[in-house]
C-alpha atoms as a PDB file:
ATOM      1  CA  MET A   1     131.331 132.667 154.140  1.00  0.00           C
ATOM      2  CA  HIS A   2     133.617 134.561 151.849  1.00  0.00           C
ATOM      3  CA  ASN A   3     135.432 137.482 153.149  1.00  0.00           C
ATOM      4  CA  GLN A   4     135.826 140.658 151.211  1.00  0.00           C
ATOM      5  CA  ARG A   5     139.417 139.977 150.308  1.00  0.00           C
ATOM      6  CA  ASP A   6     138.527 136.676 148.532  1.00  0.00           C
ATOM      7  CA  ILE A   7     135.840 138.362 146.468  1.00  0.00           C
ATOM      8  CA  PHE A   8     138.232 141.087 145.264  1.00  0.00           C
ATOM      9  CA  TYR A   9     140.854 138.493 144.365  1.00  0.00           C
ATOM     10  CA  TYR A  10     138.273 136.503 142.388  1.00  0.00           C
ATOM     11  CA  LEU A  11     137.151 139.601 140.458  1.00  0.00           C
ATOM     12  CA  TRP A  12     140.768 140.649 139.816  1.00  0.00           C
ATOM     13  CA  VAL A  13     141.683 137.196 138.391  1.00  0.00           C
ATOM     14  CA  ASN A  14     138.569 137.162 136.232  1.00  0.00           C
ATOM     15  CA  SER A  15     139.239 140.639 134.901  1.00  0.00           C
ATOM     16  CA  ILE A  16     142.807 139.632 133.955  1.00  0.00           C
ATOM     17  CA  MET A  17     141.491 136.575 132.130  1.00  0.00           C
ATOM     18  CA  LEU A  18     138.879 138.719 130.397  1.00  0.00           C
ATOM     19  CA  LYS A  19     141.574 141.188 129.272  1.00  0.00           C
ATOM     20  CA  LYS A  20     143.796 138.400 127.915  1.00  0.00           C
ATOM     21  CA  LEU A  21     140.874 136.873 126.083  1.00  0.00           C
ATOM     22  CA  SER A  22     139.883 140.255 124.623  1.00  0.00           C
ATOM     23  CA  ILE A  23     143.436 140.915 123.412  1.00  0.00           C
ATOM     24  CA  PHE A  24     143.599 137.476 121.784  1.00  0.00           C
ATOM     25  CA  PHE A  25     140.363 138.014 119.862  1.00  0.00           C
ATOM     26  CA  ILE A  26     141.357 141.492 118.745  1.00  0.00           C
ATOM     27  CA  LEU A  27     144.683 140.210 117.426  1.00  0.00           C
ATOM     28  CA  PHE A  28     143.079 137.219 115.820  1.00  0.00           C
ATOM     29  CA  LEU A  29     140.341 139.176 114.077  1.00  0.00           C
ATOM     30  CA  THR A  30     142.553 142.008 112.884  1.00  0.00           C
ATOM     31  CA  SER A  31     145.428 139.858 111.688  1.00  0.00           C
ATOM     32  CA  LYS A  32     145.987 139.601 107.981  1.00  0.00           C
ATOM     33  CA  THR A  33     145.030 136.220 106.552  1.00  0.00           C
ATOM     34  CA  MET A  34     147.105 134.742 103.777  1.00  0.00           C
ATOM     35  CA  ALA A  35     145.666 132.503 101.067  1.00  0.00           C
ATOM     36  CA  SER A  36     146.391 131.511  97.522  1.00  0.00           C
ATOM     37  CA  GLU A  37     144.096 130.421  94.747  1.00  0.00           C
ATOM     38  CA  LEU A  38     143.425 126.746  94.224  1.00  0.00           C
ATOM     39  CA  ILE A  39     144.917 125.296  91.063  1.00  0.00           C
ATOM     40  CA  TYR A  40     143.573 122.041  89.622  1.00  0.00           C
ATOM     41  CA  THR A  41     146.267 119.731  88.356  1.00  0.00           C
ATOM     42  CA  PRO A  42     144.939 116.686  86.478  1.00  0.00           C
ATOM     43  CA  ILE A  43     146.415 113.276  87.217  1.00  0.00           C
ATOM     44  CA  ASN A  44     145.320 111.426  84.102  1.00  0.00           C
ATOM     45  CA  PRO A  45     147.721 112.084  81.202  1.00  0.00           C
ATOM     46  CA  THR A  46     144.793 112.021  78.761  1.00  0.00           C
ATOM     47  CA  PHE A  47     143.511 115.228  80.366  1.00  0.00           C
ATOM     48  CA  GLY A  48     146.856 117.005  80.643  1.00  0.00           C
ATOM     49  CA  GLY A  49     148.354 115.245  83.647  1.00  0.00           C
ATOM     50  CA  ASN A  50     151.858 113.937  84.097  1.00  0.00           C
ATOM     51  CA  PRO A  51     152.679 111.330  81.391  1.00  0.00           C
ATOM     52  CA  LEU A  52     154.546 109.249  83.968  1.00  0.00           C
ATOM     53  CA  ASN A  53     151.204 108.476  85.674  1.00  0.00           C
ATOM     54  CA  GLY A  54     149.943 106.612  82.583  1.00  0.00           C
ATOM     55  CA  SER A  55     151.359 103.166  83.326  1.00  0.00           C
ATOM     56  CA  PHE A  56     150.303 103.380  86.989  1.00  0.00           C
ATOM     57  CA  LEU A  57     146.715 104.299  86.070  1.00  0.00           C
ATOM     58  CA  LEU A  58     146.575 101.607  83.387  1.00  0.00           C
ATOM     59  CA  GLY A  59     147.758  98.982  85.873  1.00  0.00           C
ATOM     60  CA  LYS A  60     145.095 100.082  88.381  1.00  0.00           C
ATOM     61  CA  ALA A  61     142.376  99.945  85.714  1.00  0.00           C
ATOM     62  CA  GLN A  62     143.418  96.477  84.535  1.00  0.00           C
ATOM     63  CA  SER A  63     143.468  95.126  88.089  1.00  0.00           C
ATOM     64  CA  GLN A  64     139.871  96.327  88.603  1.00  0.00           C
ATOM     65  CA  ASN A  65     138.595  95.031  85.251  1.00  0.00           C
ATOM     66  CA  ASP A  66     136.177  92.102  85.728  1.00  0.00           C
ATOM     67  CA  HIS A  67     135.295  91.883  82.042  1.00  0.00           C
ATOM     68  CA  THR A  68     136.180  88.662  80.283  1.00  0.00           C
ATOM     69  CA  GLU A  69     136.252  88.208  76.550  1.00  0.00           C
ATOM     70  CA  GLU A  70     134.074  85.085  76.764  1.00  0.00           C
ATOM     71  CA  ASN A  71     131.081  87.168  77.847  1.00  0.00           C
ATOM     72  CA  ASP A  72     131.474  89.653  75.019  1.00  0.00           C
ATOM     73  CA  LEU A  73     128.717  89.238  72.422  1.00  0.00           C
ATOM     74  CA  LEU A  74     130.863  90.509  69.584  1.00  0.00           C
ATOM     75  CA  SER A  75     133.704  88.107  70.335  1.00  0.00           C
ATOM     76  CA  SER A  76     131.256  85.197  70.619  1.00  0.00           C
ATOM     77  CA  LEU A  77     129.897  86.059  67.175  1.00  0.00           C
ATOM     78  CA  ASN A  78     133.410  86.159  65.781  1.00  0.00           C
ATOM     79  CA  THR A  79     134.391  82.796  67.288  1.00  0.00           C
ATOM     80  CA  SER A  80     131.254  80.874  66.263  1.00  0.00           C
ATOM     81  CA  ASP A  81     131.204  79.218  62.886  1.00  0.00           C
ATOM     82  CA  PRO A  82     129.152  80.713  60.032  1.00  0.00           C
ATOM     83  CA  LEU A  83     126.796  77.716  59.856  1.00  0.00           C
ATOM     84  CA  SER A  84     125.636  78.120  63.472  1.00  0.00           C
ATOM     85  CA  ARG A  85     125.235  81.890  62.979  1.00  0.00           C
ATOM     86  CA  PHE A  86     123.123  81.190  59.879  1.00  0.00           C
ATOM     87  CA  GLN A  87     120.960  78.755  61.851  1.00  0.00           C
ATOM     88  CA  GLU A  88     120.452  81.324  64.651  1.00  0.00           C
ATOM     89  CA  ASP A  89     119.530  84.008  62.102  1.00  0.00           C
ATOM     90  CA  LEU A  90     117.093  81.661  60.377  1.00  0.00           C
ATOM     91  CA  GLU A  91     115.406  80.719  63.673  1.00  0.00           C
ATOM     92  CA  ARG A  92     115.179  84.391  64.653  1.00  0.00           C
ATOM     93  CA  THR A  93     113.556  85.190  61.285  1.00  0.00           C
ATOM     94  CA  ILE A  94     111.047  82.352  61.665  1.00  0.00           C
ATOM     95  CA  LEU A  95     110.098  83.534  65.160  1.00  0.00           C
ATOM     96  CA  ASN A  96     109.694  87.118  63.927  1.00  0.00           C
ATOM     97  CA  ASN A  97     107.425  85.926  61.110  1.00  0.00           C
ATOM     98  CA  ILE A  98     105.318  83.902  63.539  1.00  0.00           C
ATOM     99  CA  ALA A  99     104.960  86.908  65.858  1.00  0.00           C
ATOM    100  CA  ARG A 100     104.004  89.174  62.931  1.00  0.00           C
ATOM    101  CA  GLU A 101     101.442  86.639  61.663  1.00  0.00           C
ATOM    102  CA  ILE A 102      99.830  86.302  65.090  1.00  0.00           C
ATOM    103  CA  SER A 103      99.670  90.063  65.658  1.00  0.00           C
ATOM    104  CA  GLN A 104      98.176  90.652  62.191  1.00  0.00           C
ATOM    105  CA  ARG A 105      95.465  88.077  62.836  1.00  0.00           C
ATOM    106  CA  ALA A 106      94.763  89.313  66.351  1.00  0.00           C
ATOM    107  CA  PHE A 107      94.888  93.066  65.770  1.00  0.00           C
ATOM    108  CA  GLY A 108      94.800  93.571  62.016  1.00  0.00           C
ATOM    109  CA  GLY A 109      91.335  92.194  61.437  1.00  0.00           C
ATOM    110  CA  GLU A 110      92.551  89.368  59.210  1.00  0.00           C
ATOM    111  CA  GLU A 111      90.224  86.414  59.416  1.00  0.00           C
ATOM    112  CA  GLY A 112      91.772  83.139  60.473  1.00  0.00           C
ATOM    113  CA  ASP A 113      91.858  80.693  57.599  1.00  0.00           C
ATOM    114  CA  GLY A 114      91.130  77.793  59.930  1.00  0.00           C
ATOM    115  CA  GLU A 115      94.448  76.118  59.405  1.00  0.00           C
ATOM    116  CA  ILE A 116      96.971  74.845  61.889  1.00  0.00           C
ATOM    117  CA  THR A 117     100.526  75.854  61.074  1.00  0.00           C
ATOM    118  CA  SER A 118     103.499  74.053  62.602  1.00  0.00           C
ATOM    119  CA  TYR A 119     107.092  75.310  62.816  1.00  0.00           C
ATOM    120  CA  ASN A 120     109.981  73.139  63.967  1.00  0.00           C
ATOM    121  CA  THR A 121     113.270  74.477  65.229  1.00  0.00           C
ATOM    122  CA  GLU A 122     116.079  72.590  66.886  1.00  0.00           C
ATOM    123  CA  GLN A 123     114.793  73.273  70.403  1.00  0.00           C
ATOM    124  CA  TYR A 124     111.071  74.023  69.979  1.00  0.00           C
ATOM    125  CA  THR A 125     107.982  72.996  68.036  1.00  0.00           C
ATOM    126  CA  ILE A 126     105.544  75.861  67.572  1.00  0.00           C
ATOM    127  CA  VAL A 127     101.961  75.194  66.482  1.00  0.00           C
ATOM    128  CA  VAL A 128      99.740  78.161  65.541  1.00  0.00           C
ATOM    129  CA  ASP A 129      96.004  77.351  65.494  1.00  0.00           C
ATOM    130  CA  THR A 130      93.702  79.899  63.811  1.00  0.00           C
ATOM    131  CA  ALA A 131      90.614  77.645  63.548  1.00  0.00           C
ATOM    132  CA  ASP A 132      88.729  79.635  66.201  1.00  0.00           C
ATOM    133  CA  SER A 133      87.492  83.043  65.005  1.00  0.00           C
ATOM    134  CA  THR A 134      87.714  84.584  68.505  1.00  0.00           C
ATOM    135  CA  ARG A 135      91.297  83.691  69.352  1.00  0.00           C
ATOM    136  CA  VAL A 136      94.659  82.505  68.073  1.00  0.00           C
ATOM    137  CA  VAL A 137      96.174  79.606  70.024  1.00  0.00           C
ATOM    138  CA  VAL A 138      99.949  79.174  70.049  1.00  0.00           C
ATOM    139  CA  ASN A 139     101.295  75.902  71.435  1.00  0.00           C
ATOM    140  CA  ILE A 140     105.058  75.900  72.135  1.00  0.00           C
ATOM    141  CA  THR A 141     106.705  72.572  73.005  1.00  0.00           C
ATOM    142  CA  ASN A 142     110.284  72.192  74.181  1.00  0.00           C
ATOM    143  CA  ASN A 143     111.708  69.253  72.211  1.00  0.00           C
ATOM    144  CA  GLU A 144     114.320  68.370  74.861  1.00  0.00           C
ATOM    145  CA  THR A 145     112.120  68.389  77.996  1.00  0.00           C
ATOM    146  CA  GLY A 146     108.634  67.976  76.534  1.00  0.00           C
ATOM    147  CA  GLU A 147     107.434  71.046  78.439  1.00  0.00           C
ATOM    148  CA  THR A 148     104.445  72.698  76.751  1.00  0.00           C
ATOM    149  CA  THR A 149     103.341  76.336  76.899  1.00  0.00           C
ATOM    150  CA  ILE A 150      99.988  77.441  75.511  1.00  0.00           C
ATOM    151  CA  ILE A 151      99.404  81.095  74.625  1.00  0.00           C
ATOM    152  CA  GLU A 152      95.913  82.300  73.692  1.00  0.00           C
ATOM    153  CA  VAL A 153      95.672  85.663  71.936  1.00  0.00           C
ATOM    154  CA  PRO A 154      92.156  87.118  71.580  1.00  0.00           C
ATOM    155  CA  VAL A 155      91.137  88.403  68.156  1.00  0.00           C
ATOM    156  CA  PHE A 156      89.877  92.003  68.143  1.00  0.00           C
ATOM    157  CA  ASN A 157      87.474  92.753  65.297  1.00  0.00           C
END
Protein backbone atom coordinates (compact mmCIF):
# COMPACT_ATOMS: atom_id res chain seq x y z
CA MET A 1 0.00 0.00 0.00
CA HIS A 2 0.93 3.63 0.13
CA ASN A 3 3.07 4.83 2.87
CA GLN A 4 2.45 8.05 4.67
CA ARG A 5 5.24 9.88 2.92
CA ASP A 6 3.71 9.23 -0.56
CA ILE A 7 0.33 10.55 0.54
CA PHE A 8 1.84 13.80 1.86
CA TYR A 9 3.81 14.28 -1.35
CA TYR A 10 0.66 13.74 -3.42
CA LEU A 11 -1.30 16.30 -1.37
CA TRP A 12 1.59 18.79 -1.50
CA VAL A 13 1.83 18.54 -5.34
CA ASN A 14 -1.93 18.90 -5.68
CA SER A 15 -2.03 21.92 -3.41
CA ILE A 16 0.73 23.61 -5.45
CA MET A 17 -1.21 22.95 -8.65
CA LEU A 18 -4.37 24.27 -7.02
CA LYS A 19 -2.56 27.46 -5.95
CA LYS A 20 -1.14 28.02 -9.45
CA LEU A 21 -4.54 27.47 -10.99
CA SER A 22 -6.18 29.86 -8.50
CA ILE A 23 -3.60 32.57 -9.22
CA PHE A 24 -4.12 32.18 -12.97
CA PHE A 25 -7.89 32.59 -12.69
CA ILE A 26 -7.60 35.57 -10.38
CA LEU A 27 -5.23 37.31 -12.79
CA PHE A 28 -7.32 36.40 -15.77
CA LEU A 29 -10.60 37.58 -14.28
CA THR A 30 -9.25 40.81 -12.83
CA SER A 31 -7.20 41.83 -15.84
CA LYS A 32 -8.40 44.77 -17.85
CA THR A 33 -9.83 43.79 -21.22
CA MET A 34 -9.23 46.03 -24.19
CA ALA A 35 -11.70 46.41 -27.05
CA SER A 36 -12.67 48.92 -29.66
CA GLU A 37 -15.95 49.57 -31.37
CA LEU A 38 -16.70 47.87 -34.66
CA ILE A 39 -16.80 50.18 -37.65
CA TYR A 40 -18.58 49.11 -40.84
CA THR A 41 -16.71 50.04 -43.98
CA PRO A 42 -18.68 49.42 -47.19
CA ILE A 43 -16.95 47.77 -50.13
CA ASN A 44 -19.31 48.78 -52.91
CA PRO A 45 -18.53 52.32 -54.15
CA THR A 46 -22.25 52.95 -54.69
CA PHE A 47 -22.73 52.79 -50.91
CA GLY A 48 -19.67 54.83 -49.95
CA GLY A 49 -16.92 52.27 -50.44
CA ASN A 50 -13.57 52.72 -52.10
CA PRO A 51 -14.03 53.83 -55.76
CA LEU A 52 -11.13 51.59 -56.80
CA ASN A 53 -13.30 48.53 -56.00
CA GLY A 54 -15.79 49.45 -58.74
CA SER A 55 -14.11 47.76 -61.69
CA PHE A 56 -13.37 44.63 -59.64
CA LEU A 57 -17.00 44.31 -58.50
CA LEU A 58 -18.29 44.97 -62.01
CA GLY A 59 -16.03 42.25 -63.42
CA LYS A 60 -17.27 39.79 -60.78
CA ALA A 61 -20.91 40.65 -61.53
CA GLN A 62 -20.44 40.25 -65.29
CA SER A 63 -18.73 36.89 -64.87
CA GLN A 64 -21.71 35.61 -62.84
CA ASN A 65 -24.36 37.01 -65.21
CA ASP A 66 -26.21 34.20 -67.02
CA HIS A 67 -28.69 36.55 -68.69
CA THR A 68 -28.64 36.66 -72.46
CA GLU A 69 -30.28 39.32 -74.55
CA GLU A 70 -32.04 36.71 -76.71
CA ASN A 71 -34.25 35.69 -73.78
CA ASP A 72 -35.26 39.25 -72.98
CA LEU A 73 -38.89 39.90 -73.93
CA LEU A 74 -38.32 43.58 -74.56
CA SER A 75 -35.40 42.98 -76.90
CA SER A 76 -37.37 40.32 -78.79
CA LEU A 77 -40.18 42.82 -79.30
CA ASN A 78 -37.71 45.38 -80.58
CA THR A 79 -36.06 42.96 -83.03
CA SER A 80 -39.27 41.50 -84.50
CA ASP A 81 -40.83 43.24 -87.45
CA PRO A 82 -44.00 45.33 -87.00
CA LEU A 83 -46.10 43.01 -89.19
CA SER A 84 -45.48 39.97 -86.96
CA ARG A 85 -46.15 42.05 -83.83
CA PHE A 86 -49.44 43.21 -85.39
CA GLN A 87 -50.39 39.60 -86.16
CA GLU A 88 -49.61 38.53 -82.56
CA ASP A 89 -51.67 41.43 -81.19
CA LEU A 90 -54.57 40.59 -83.49
CA GLU A 91 -54.53 36.91 -82.47
CA ARG A 92 -54.36 37.89 -78.79
CA THR A 93 -57.37 40.19 -79.28
CA ILE A 94 -59.36 37.47 -81.04
CA LEU A 95 -58.62 34.99 -78.24
CA ASN A 96 -59.63 37.55 -75.60
CA ASN A 97 -62.91 38.18 -77.43
CA ILE A 98 -63.62 34.45 -77.65
CA ALA A 99 -62.94 34.02 -73.92
CA ARG A 100 -65.19 36.99 -73.07
CA GLU A 101 -67.99 35.65 -75.30
CA ILE A 102 -67.83 32.20 -73.71
CA SER A 103 -67.80 33.57 -70.16
CA GLN A 104 -70.74 35.90 -70.90
CA ARG A 105 -72.79 33.02 -72.27
CA ALA A 106 -71.82 30.65 -69.47
CA PHE A 107 -72.07 33.01 -66.50
CA GLY A 108 -73.88 36.10 -67.73
CA GLY A 109 -77.19 34.44 -68.46
CA GLU A 110 -77.07 35.24 -72.17
CA GLU A 111 -78.97 32.66 -74.15
CA GLY A 112 -77.03 30.86 -76.85
CA ASP A 113 -78.22 31.88 -80.28
CA GLY A 114 -77.72 28.36 -81.59
CA GLU A 115 -74.98 29.29 -83.98
CA ILE A 116 -71.57 27.79 -84.50
CA THR A 117 -68.81 30.38 -84.74
CA SER A 118 -65.43 29.53 -86.24
CA TYR A 119 -62.17 31.47 -85.80
CA ASN A 120 -59.02 30.69 -87.78
CA THR A 121 -55.56 31.74 -86.74
CA GLU A 122 -52.26 30.69 -88.22
CA GLN A 123 -51.79 27.81 -85.77
CA TYR A 124 -55.31 26.98 -84.53
CA THR A 125 -58.92 26.69 -85.65
CA ILE A 126 -61.37 27.47 -82.86
CA VAL A 127 -65.03 26.50 -83.17
CA VAL A 128 -67.51 27.78 -80.56
CA ASP A 129 -70.83 25.88 -80.50
CA THR A 130 -73.70 27.49 -78.56
CA ALA A 131 -76.51 25.31 -79.98
CA ASP A 132 -77.01 23.49 -76.67
CA SER A 133 -78.74 25.59 -73.99
CA THR A 134 -76.97 23.77 -71.12
CA ARG A 135 -73.38 24.15 -72.27
CA VAL A 136 -70.96 25.92 -74.58
CA VAL A 137 -68.64 23.61 -76.54
CA VAL A 138 -65.27 24.92 -77.69
CA ASN A 139 -63.36 22.79 -80.19
CA ILE A 140 -59.70 23.80 -80.67
CA THR A 141 -57.76 22.15 -83.51
CA ASN A 142 -54.03 22.53 -84.06
CA ASN A 143 -53.60 23.17 -87.80
CA GLU A 144 -50.05 21.77 -87.92
CA THR A 145 -50.56 18.48 -86.03
CA GLY A 146 -54.31 17.96 -86.31
CA GLU A 147 -54.57 17.54 -82.54
CA THR A 148 -58.04 18.42 -81.24
CA THR A 149 -59.04 19.66 -77.78
CA ILE A 150 -62.68 19.90 -76.75
CA ILE A 151 -63.70 22.15 -73.85
CA GLU A 152 -67.25 22.03 -72.49
CA VAL A 153 -68.36 24.94 -70.31
CA PRO A 154 -71.67 24.50 -68.47
CA VAL A 155 -74.18 27.33 -68.68
CA PHE A 156 -75.40 28.61 -65.30
CA ASN A 157 -78.86 30.18 -65.43
